[in-house]
Amino acid sequence: MVMKEKDIKKEFSKFVLPTYHRQGPVFVKGKGSFLWDIKGRKYLDLFPGWGVGILGHSHPRIARILAEQAKKLIHIPNNLYHPYQVALAREIVRNSFKAKVFFANSGAEAVEAALKLARAYGRRKKRYKIITMRNSFHGRTLGALSATAQDIYQRPFRPLLGGFKVARFGSWKDLKKKIDKYTVAVIMEPIQGEGGVNLASSDYFSKVREICTREGILLIFDEIQTGMGRTGKMFAFQHYGIKPDVFTVSKGLGAGFPISALVVEEKLTGVLSSGMHASTFGGSPLACRVALEVFKIIKEERILEEVNRKGKILKQLLFALKEEFGFIKEVRGKGLMWAVELKKECASIFEQALAQGLIINCTHKKIIRILPALNIETRLLEKGISILRRILKERGK
């Protein structure tokens, strides 16, 4: 029996923990850059799955692989072999640098693995402190949350794990001040996503790499949101002519199916040995088969070239909004990862957009985030920004 919308919402209230502020209709179908609600209304989604849906909703090749592999083998434990995990590890390495890979299910899990690796690496030299960046976001588990330097997320759960220091993102001089003899690692997003799509200069990243190399400190990049082509490169660190010692990737890796990876530079691959870390569901045949198909689609459909082309179009559209509306403080981004920072709060803009059939995101109260599918049609980008322009014009009256 199909439930009515009001009954579904009532059941949510009755049975599901209220850890999310849910809004809008009940969605039942997705295809490409569109969602449909239970009443059949169509929505243009410029923020599919919080950046997860890099190929849009229900990509036919992903749906086919899911069905095909589910009939063969869904899960086996990691003390046994299957062919797709090593094939996916090889593909990640081929698209980054010489490394070995650990698989998990979510971005937070991959970050936890990175933090454990850092602590294990520094143990002999009694180095344990990890420097993270202000306005960073690394996940909701206790370790990842301890590295997430935002008071709003940390406050309810203090005391958190010790041994974390906070530096200003974009200031290598501030980072240098925070380093002491106990510092073992620096963790950062190459572009801060949830923090408001905050970027730093190539010079900053070069200096950070130089400092970490000189001091024997691990440089960990959180590529959970920026990885898999979001910025026009397979991984965002490739824009800056450097490479981290360790990086994490998730979200787009499965294009909607849960999977994450910790990628560890070759010289560090002996730090975590058998029994030191594990994930029951990590790297299953089903998850790895899907992620392998994602890599194939990115290559065969020339997704990176498309991101760079469409990214320029989206940039022009958003800067045109800034020229038109004085209450837009700043527009910033790279590839298909953009923020429009306002001088006023944007929660009602999100609600108005939803009412007009457009899905965007509002973060930090005043920042509109746009992370469309990487294969979105140009006309749909233009249509989405046209709807946003109409809403902003109404707000400006």
Foldseek 3Di string as FASTA:
>chain_A
DDDDFVVVVVVCVVPPPPPDDDDDTAWDDWDFQWTAGPVGDIFGELQPPVLQQQRTPPDVVLVVLLVVVVVPFWFDFPVDDDPLLVVLQVVVCVQAHAWGKDKAFAQLVLVVVVLLLLCLVCVVVQARAEEAEALAQRDQPLVRLVRRNDCVRCVVPPPGDDRYHYFHPQDVVRVVVPDDSRAAEYEYECFGALSFRHHYDLVSVVSVVVVCVVNVHFYEYEQANVACQQQLGNGPVVVNPDHGQKYKYFSHLLSPGTMIMIIGHPVSVVSDDPPNDGYGGTSGPSSSSSSVVSVVCCVVVVLSVLLQVLVVVLVVLLVVLCVVDVQFDDWDHGRFKIKTFGVAFCPVLQVVSVVVRYHWDGHPRGIIIGRRRSPDDSVSSVVRSVSSSVSVVVVVD
